[in-house]
Amino acid sequence: MNACLIGLNITNYILAILLSKKGFQVDIIFEEKNKYVKNNRTIGISKKNIEFLKSILTIPNQYLWPTYQIEIFNLKNNPSKKLKFKDSKNENFFLITNNNLLNIFEKKCKELKNIYIKKYKPKEILKLEKNNNYNFVVNSQSNNILIKKFFSNKIEKDYNSIAYTSILNHKKIDNHTAVQIFTKYGPLAFLPLSKDKTSIVYSVQKKFKLNLLKVKDEIFKHSKKYDLKKISELKKFDLKYSFPRKFVHKNILCFGDALHKIHPLAGQGFNMTLRDMKLFSNIIDDKLNYGLEIDRSVLLEFRDKTKHLNYIFGVGINFINDFFKLDNKLDGVLSNNLLNFFDKNDFFKRSSITLANKGLNFVTE
């Protein structure tokens, strides 16, 4: 059995190791211009997905920082009116830097003899559509020639926002609480990485036309409790929602960033990809157990089982973002009582934690 993965990124490194364990020979191919660039972003991974990742490859605990509490509040409201998700016995999720996760899985891929990493030109990638000898091809690259030609029909939404990311260096604190603040400019997330490091993601609406100095000022204003020593260089990227109407073309599957892009405010983008990967893996296992062919039918079954769930989940994240944008326009009237009400509702909080941990897949488990 052999598989081709398009894109040199974290998703394909993980998927390559997973497939190699099932007996696949895996080619990871990439265009030089689309090669993954290391950055200062941080990934929040649910407890369930960490268990899945560790079943593929050991991740040293030193790279994982547990979060036991999440706080959500709107600056327009009374500071006491916040929504808190807390579990003193279990972690809500774990934080790891993109670079650390990439390095761990990249190193293993280069060690395995049945994984090959190759540089391709666009015309060579395009040839895969007409003729290839793979059981299937997985494309997790969102901007290559195959996407433009065969998967360009998408449901899209421009958030008209720019996400700024950075790492805060501060004095040592008991740093196990993630904080999401809805400011007048957009949501600002503080994601703990260690006792003296915290990652931030600040999604700023473009209409305010904030320059880097003003963005930094806003970050400093809302991070006084951390007693900052240093803030790393701010990196930025545009925020857009994307969901292709077509998942499969011949034996080529859209996956990862090519399959769904969502707002980072809930930290669920990469978790959606990991849940997809687990489902994809289970479908392959079932086929192998029953002695069935590993072919396009795997891709079609994956599409049929996940398309509606991913779409609903993405729309839900969009609703949360739109709700708080409207709430800010109304000076926090909507969230003023809602956050307090939901904070006292144990069923809502338990359900939200389950949803963040397992996604909508828990409905079918």
Protein backbone atom coordinates (compact mmCIF):
# COMPACT_ATOMS: atom_id res chain seq x y z
CA MET A 1 0.00 0.00 0.00
CA ASN A 2 1.20 3.49 -0.73
CA ALA A 3 -0.08 7.00 -0.09
CA CYS A 4 0.90 10.48 -1.18
CA LEU A 5 0.58 13.48 1.14
CA ILE A 6 0.82 16.95 -0.40
CA GLY A 7 2.30 19.63 1.83
CA LEU A 8 5.26 19.86 4.18
CA ASN A 9 3.42 20.63 7.41
CA ILE A 10 2.55 19.30 10.87
CA THR A 11 -0.64 17.60 9.66
CA ASN A 12 1.19 15.53 7.06
CA TYR A 13 4.06 14.61 9.37
CA ILE A 14 1.57 13.18 11.87
CA LEU A 15 -0.53 11.48 9.19
CA ALA A 16 2.59 9.99 7.55
CA ILE A 17 3.69 8.30 10.78
CA LEU A 18 0.14 7.04 11.40
CA LEU A 19 -0.05 5.51 7.91
CA SER A 20 3.46 4.07 8.08
CA LYS A 21 2.40 2.13 11.19
CA LYS A 22 -0.38 0.54 9.14
CA GLY A 23 2.14 -0.68 6.55
CA PHE A 24 1.92 2.15 4.01
CA GLN A 25 4.83 3.54 2.07
CA VAL A 26 4.28 7.30 2.27
CA ASP A 27 5.54 10.05 -0.02
CA ILE A 28 5.33 13.58 1.36
CA ILE A 29 5.68 15.99 -1.53
CA PHE A 30 5.85 19.77 -1.46
CA GLU A 31 6.52 22.88 -3.49
CA GLU A 32 9.41 25.01 -2.26
CA LYS A 33 7.25 28.15 -2.14
CA ASN A 34 4.71 26.38 0.10
CA LYS A 35 7.23 24.89 2.50
CA TYR A 36 6.18 25.23 6.13
CA VAL A 37 7.69 28.29 7.83
CA LYS A 38 8.36 28.06 11.54
CA ASN A 39 6.53 30.65 13.63
CA ASN A 40 5.66 31.70 17.17
CA ARG A 41 2.12 30.32 17.17
CA THR A 42 0.82 28.02 19.89
CA ILE A 43 -1.55 25.09 19.56
CA GLY A 44 -4.16 24.19 22.17
CA ILE A 45 -4.89 20.46 22.01
CA SER A 46 -7.78 18.79 23.83
CA LYS A 47 -7.13 15.96 26.27
CA LYS A 48 -8.76 13.43 23.94
CA ASN A 49 -6.58 14.55 21.02
CA ILE A 50 -3.42 14.44 23.13
CA GLU A 51 -4.22 10.79 23.90
CA PHE A 52 -4.61 10.18 20.16
CA LEU A 53 -1.30 11.91 19.34
CA LYS A 54 0.54 9.97 22.03
CA SER A 55 -0.80 6.72 20.53
CA ILE A 56 1.08 7.67 17.34
CA LEU A 57 4.30 8.97 18.85
CA THR A 58 5.61 9.78 22.31
CA ILE A 59 5.45 13.50 23.06
CA PRO A 60 7.74 14.46 25.97
CA ASN A 61 5.69 16.00 28.79
CA GLN A 62 8.17 18.87 28.98
CA TYR A 63 6.66 20.26 25.76
CA LEU A 64 3.06 20.05 27.00
CA TRP A 65 1.64 22.60 29.43
CA PRO A 66 -1.69 21.69 31.07
CA THR A 67 -4.54 24.16 31.44
CA TYR A 68 -7.06 23.54 34.23
CA GLN A 69 -9.24 26.59 33.85
CA ILE A 70 -10.62 28.79 31.08
CA GLU A 71 -12.05 32.25 31.72
CA ILE A 72 -14.13 34.20 29.21
CA PHE A 73 -15.33 37.76 29.72
CA ASN A 74 -16.26 40.94 27.89
CA LEU A 75 -14.56 44.19 28.87
CA LYS A 76 -17.90 45.96 28.46
CA ASN A 77 -19.28 44.01 31.46
CA ASN A 78 -18.63 43.98 35.17
CA PRO A 79 -15.31 42.03 35.67
CA SER A 80 -17.12 39.61 38.00
CA LYS A 81 -19.41 38.53 35.17
CA LYS A 82 -17.29 35.93 33.47
CA LEU A 83 -17.69 32.38 32.28
CA LYS A 84 -15.31 29.92 33.93
CA PHE A 85 -14.60 26.36 32.89
CA LYS A 86 -12.62 24.64 35.63
CA ASP A 87 -11.58 21.12 36.49
CA SER A 88 -9.15 20.77 39.37
CA LYS A 89 -8.59 17.05 38.65
CA ASN A 90 -8.38 16.96 34.86
CA GLU A 91 -6.75 19.18 32.27
CA ASN A 92 -9.09 21.09 29.95
CA PHE A 93 -6.42 21.06 27.25
CA PHE A 94 -2.68 21.25 26.69
CA LEU A 95 -0.59 23.97 25.07
CA ILE A 96 2.40 23.27 22.85
CA THR A 97 4.25 25.54 20.43
CA ASN A 98 3.89 24.86 16.72
CA ASN A 99 7.64 24.57 16.38
CA ASN A 100 8.03 21.93 19.10
CA LEU A 101 5.21 19.80 17.71
CA LEU A 102 6.62 20.15 14.20
CA ASN A 103 10.14 19.21 15.26
CA ILE A 104 9.02 16.08 17.15
CA PHE A 105 7.08 14.61 14.22
CA GLU A 106 9.44 15.86 11.51
CA LYS A 107 12.38 14.14 13.20
CA LYS A 108 10.51 10.83 13.38
CA CYS A 109 9.44 11.05 9.71
CA LYS A 110 13.06 11.46 8.65
CA GLU A 111 14.03 8.39 10.68
CA LEU A 112 11.42 6.04 9.22
CA LYS A 113 12.46 4.11 6.11
CA ASN A 114 8.98 3.94 4.58
CA ILE A 115 8.46 7.73 4.56
CA TYR A 116 10.00 9.76 1.73
CA ILE A 117 10.05 13.56 1.52
CA LYS A 118 10.31 14.97 -2.00
CA LYS A 119 10.28 18.40 -3.60
CA TYR A 120 7.87 18.68 -6.55
CA LYS A 121 7.12 21.34 -9.13
CA PRO A 122 3.49 22.51 -9.62
CA LYS A 123 3.19 20.72 -12.96
CA GLU A 124 4.33 17.45 -11.31
CA ILE A 125 1.68 17.85 -8.62
CA LEU A 126 -0.95 18.53 -11.26
CA LYS A 127 -0.06 15.25 -13.01
CA LEU A 128 -1.28 13.36 -9.93
CA GLU A 129 -4.84 14.25 -10.91
CA LYS A 130 -4.58 12.51 -14.29
CA ASN A 131 -2.55 9.50 -13.29
CA ASN A 132 -1.03 8.17 -10.07
CA ASN A 133 -0.25 4.78 -8.60
CA TYR A 134 -1.21 5.61 -5.02
CA ASN A 135 -4.07 4.05 -3.05
CA PHE A 136 -5.01 7.64 -2.27
CA VAL A 137 -3.62 11.17 -2.26
CA VAL A 138 -4.21 13.53 0.68
CA ASN A 139 -3.84 17.25 0.04
CA SER A 140 -3.51 19.32 3.22
CA GLN A 141 -2.08 22.35 1.45
CA SER A 142 -4.65 25.12 0.97
CA ASN A 143 -3.05 27.10 -1.86
CA ASN A 144 -1.60 24.76 -4.47
CA ILE A 145 -2.58 24.11 -8.08
CA LEU A 146 -4.90 21.18 -7.25
CA ILE A 147 -6.96 23.37 -4.92
CA LYS A 148 -7.26 26.08 -7.55
CA LYS A 149 -8.34 23.67 -10.30
CA PHE A 150 -10.52 21.11 -8.54
CA PHE A 151 -11.53 22.39 -5.09
CA SER A 152 -12.03 26.11 -5.64
CA ASN A 153 -15.79 26.04 -5.05
CA LYS A 154 -15.95 26.93 -1.34
CA ILE A 155 -18.12 28.40 1.35
CA GLU A 156 -16.04 31.36 2.47
CA LYS A 157 -16.24 34.19 4.97
CA ASP A 158 -13.78 37.03 5.40
CA TYR A 159 -13.58 37.91 9.09
CA ASN A 160 -12.04 41.27 8.11
CA SER A 161 -9.61 40.76 10.96
CA ILE A 162 -5.88 40.28 11.46
CA ALA A 163 -4.56 37.84 14.05
CA TYR A 164 -1.44 38.95 15.92
CA THR A 165 0.59 36.31 17.75
CA SER A 166 3.43 36.65 20.22
CA ILE A 167 5.06 35.08 23.29
CA LEU A 168 5.06 36.97 26.58
CA ASN A 169 7.97 36.44 28.96
CA HIS A 170 7.00 37.30 32.53
CA LYS A 171 7.70 36.57 36.19
CA LYS A 172 6.91 33.07 37.40
CA ILE A 173 3.26 32.56 38.33
CA ASP A 174 0.79 29.69 38.80
CA ASN A 175 0.07 29.76 35.09
CA HIS A 176 -2.63 27.18 34.31
CA THR A 177 -5.55 29.43 33.31
CA ALA A 178 -6.33 30.36 29.72
CA VAL A 179 -8.10 33.69 29.34
CA GLN A 180 -10.26 34.94 26.46
CA ILE A 181 -11.05 38.66 26.64
CA PHE A 182 -13.46 40.27 24.21
CA THR A 183 -12.10 43.79 23.72
CA LYS A 184 -13.57 46.57 21.60
CA TYR A 185 -11.09 45.67 18.83
CA GLY A 186 -11.61 41.89 18.91
CA PRO A 187 -10.91 38.77 21.03
CA LEU A 188 -7.58 38.57 22.87
CA ALA A 189 -6.48 35.14 24.14
CA PHE A 190 -3.81 34.43 26.76
CA LEU A 191 -2.58 30.84 26.51
CA PRO A 192 -0.17 29.61 29.22
CA LEU A 193 2.98 27.82 28.05
CA SER A 194 4.94 27.58 31.32
CA LYS A 195 5.30 29.35 34.66
CA ASP A 196 7.02 32.28 32.94
CA LYS A 197 5.76 32.17 29.34
CA THR A 198 2.33 32.88 27.87
CA SER A 199 1.29 32.90 24.24
CA ILE A 200 -1.17 35.47 22.95
CA VAL A 201 -3.49 35.59 19.93
CA TYR A 202 -5.14 38.95 19.32
CA SER A 203 -7.72 39.05 16.52
CA VAL A 204 -8.13 42.72 15.60
CA GLN A 205 -10.86 43.95 13.27
CA LYS A 206 -9.37 45.75 10.27
CA LYS A 207 -11.86 48.62 10.46
CA PHE A 208 -10.00 50.02 13.49
CA LYS A 209 -6.77 50.31 11.48
CA LEU A 210 -4.51 49.66 14.47
CA ASN A 211 -0.78 49.87 13.86
CA LEU A 212 1.70 47.52 15.56
CA LEU A 213 2.47 50.04 18.31
CA LYS A 214 -1.22 50.36 19.21
CA VAL A 215 -1.67 46.57 19.15
CA LYS A 216 1.26 46.24 21.56
CA ASP A 217 -0.21 48.91 23.81
CA GLU A 218 -3.49 46.99 23.99
CA ILE A 219 -1.67 43.76 24.83
CA PHE A 220 0.28 45.48 27.62
CA LYS A 221 -2.89 47.08 28.96
CA HIS A 222 -4.62 43.71 29.39
CA SER A 223 -1.62 41.71 30.63
CA LYS A 224 -0.72 43.56 33.84
CA LYS A 225 -1.18 40.47 36.02
CA TYR A 226 1.71 38.79 34.20
CA ASP A 227 4.33 41.42 35.17
CA LEU A 228 5.93 41.34 31.72
CA LYS A 229 9.67 41.20 31.13
CA LYS A 230 9.64 40.90 27.36
CA ILE A 231 7.29 40.45 24.42
CA SER A 232 8.48 38.67 21.27
CA GLU A 233 8.08 40.12 17.80
CA LEU A 234 4.44 40.27 16.71
CA LYS A 235 3.55 38.05 13.77
CA LYS A 236 0.32 38.56 11.87
CA PHE A 237 -1.97 36.79 9.40
CA ASP A 238 -5.38 37.42 7.87
CA LEU A 239 -8.37 35.53 9.24
CA LYS A 240 -10.79 33.80 6.89
CA TYR A 241 -13.31 30.99 7.10
CA SER A 242 -13.14 28.38 4.37
CA PHE A 243 -15.02 25.14 3.75
CA PRO A 244 -14.89 23.38 0.33
CA ARG A 245 -18.13 22.11 -1.18
CA LYS A 246 -16.16 19.21 -2.66
CA PHE A 247 -14.03 16.95 -0.45
CA VAL A 248 -12.95 14.32 -2.97
CA HIS A 249 -11.77 14.45 -6.59
CA LYS A 250 -10.89 11.04 -8.09
CA ASN A 251 -8.56 9.55 -5.44
CA ILE A 252 -7.53 12.93 -3.99
CA LEU A 253 -8.86 14.08 -0.61
CA CYS A 254 -8.87 17.60 0.85
CA PHE A 255 -7.59 17.55 4.42
CA GLY A 256 -6.30 19.79 7.22
CA ASP A 257 -6.09 23.47 6.29
CA ALA A 258 -7.34 22.65 2.81
CA LEU A 259 -10.51 21.19 4.34
CA HIS A 260 -11.43 23.80 6.94
CA LYS A 261 -10.18 27.13 8.20
CA ILE A 262 -11.98 28.69 11.15
CA HIS A 263 -11.59 31.61 13.56
CA PRO A 264 -8.94 30.91 16.24
CA LEU A 265 -11.02 32.30 19.12
CA ALA A 266 -12.04 28.81 20.34
CA GLY A 267 -8.70 27.16 19.55
CA GLN A 268 -10.42 24.37 17.62
CA GLY A 269 -8.85 24.46 14.13
CA PHE A 270 -6.10 21.91 14.70
CA ASN A 271 -8.35 19.86 17.00
CA MET A 272 -10.78 19.46 14.11
CA THR A 273 -7.92 18.15 11.96
CA LEU A 274 -6.87 15.64 14.63
CA ARG A 275 -10.44 14.38 15.00
CA ASP A 276 -10.60 14.01 11.21
CA MET A 277 -7.35 12.07 11.31
CA LYS A 278 -8.65 9.69 13.94
CA LEU A 279 -11.81 9.03 11.90
CA PHE A 280 -9.76 8.55 8.72
CA SER A 281 -7.51 6.09 10.56
CA ASN A 282 -10.48 4.11 11.89
CA ILE A 283 -12.00 3.82 8.40
CA ILE A 284 -8.72 2.42 7.04
CA ASP A 285 -8.46 -0.02 9.97
CA ASP A 286 -11.98 -1.29 9.33
CA LYS A 287 -11.21 -1.86 5.65
CA LEU A 288 -8.01 -3.74 6.49
CA ASN A 289 -9.74 -5.86 9.14
CA TYR A 290 -12.39 -6.96 6.64
CA GLY A 291 -9.87 -7.51 3.84
CA LEU A 292 -11.38 -4.75 1.69
CA GLU A 293 -9.58 -2.59 -0.87
CA ILE A 294 -7.92 0.62 0.30
CA ASP A 295 -9.07 2.92 -2.45
CA ARG A 296 -11.33 5.89 -3.21
CA SER A 297 -14.08 4.34 -1.08
CA VAL A 298 -12.05 5.28 2.03
CA LEU A 299 -12.17 8.94 1.00
CA LEU A 300 -15.89 8.84 0.22
CA GLU A 301 -16.73 7.22 3.54
CA PHE A 302 -14.64 9.83 5.35
CA ARG A 303 -16.50 12.59 3.49
CA ASP A 304 -19.91 11.16 4.30
CA LYS A 305 -19.12 10.76 8.00
CA THR A 306 -17.44 14.09 8.63
CA LYS A 307 -18.72 16.72 6.20
CA HIS A 308 -21.87 17.71 8.09
CA LEU A 309 -20.13 17.61 11.48
CA ASN A 310 -17.27 19.87 10.41
CA TYR A 311 -19.64 22.29 8.72
CA ILE A 312 -21.90 22.59 11.78
CA PHE A 313 -18.88 22.97 14.07
CA GLY A 314 -17.40 25.73 11.88
CA VAL A 315 -20.73 27.58 11.70
CA GLY A 316 -20.94 27.38 15.50
CA ILE A 317 -17.55 29.09 15.86
CA ASN A 318 -18.68 31.77 13.39
CA PHE A 319 -21.79 32.34 15.48
CA ILE A 320 -19.74 32.91 18.65
CA ASN A 321 -17.53 35.42 16.83
CA ASP A 322 -20.52 37.25 15.33
CA PHE A 323 -22.33 37.26 18.68
CA PHE A 324 -19.51 39.06 20.47
CA LYS A 325 -19.02 41.51 17.59
CA LEU A 326 -22.70 42.44 17.87
CA ASP A 327 -22.46 42.46 21.66
CA ASN A 328 -19.65 45.02 21.53
CA LYS A 329 -21.73 47.26 19.29
CA LEU A 330 -24.49 47.07 21.91
CA ASP A 331 -22.08 47.87 24.78
CA GLY A 332 -22.18 44.36 26.21
CA VAL A 333 -25.94 44.23 26.70
CA LEU A 334 -26.22 40.69 25.32
CA SER A 335 -23.38 39.13 27.30
CA ASN A 336 -24.00 41.08 30.51
CA ASN A 337 -26.42 38.52 31.90
CA LEU A 338 -25.76 35.57 29.60
CA LEU A 339 -22.19 34.90 30.78
CA ASN A 340 -23.28 35.01 34.40
CA PHE A 341 -26.24 32.69 33.67
CA PHE A 342 -24.13 30.13 31.78
CA ASP A 343 -21.42 30.24 34.48
CA LYS A 344 -23.99 28.95 36.97
CA ASN A 345 -25.27 26.26 34.61
CA ASP A 346 -23.27 23.08 35.26
CA PHE A 347 -24.93 21.15 32.42
CA PHE A 348 -23.92 23.83 29.90
CA LYS A 349 -20.34 23.85 31.15
CA ARG A 350 -20.03 20.05 31.14
CA SER A 351 -21.46 19.89 27.63
CA SER A 352 -19.13 22.65 26.41
CA ILE A 353 -16.08 20.85 27.81
CA THR A 354 -17.17 17.60 26.12
CA LEU A 355 -17.74 19.44 22.83
CA ALA A 356 -14.32 21.12 22.97
CA ASN A 357 -12.68 17.81 23.87
CA LYS A 358 -14.37 15.52 21.34
CA GLY A 359 -16.03 17.87 18.85
CA LEU A 360 -19.39 16.78 17.44
CA ASN A 361 -17.97 13.30 16.95
CA PHE A 362 -19.05 12.39 20.49
CA VAL A 363 -22.62 12.21 19.14
CA THR A 364 -21.68 9.20 17.01
CA GLU A 365 -19.34 7.50 19.50
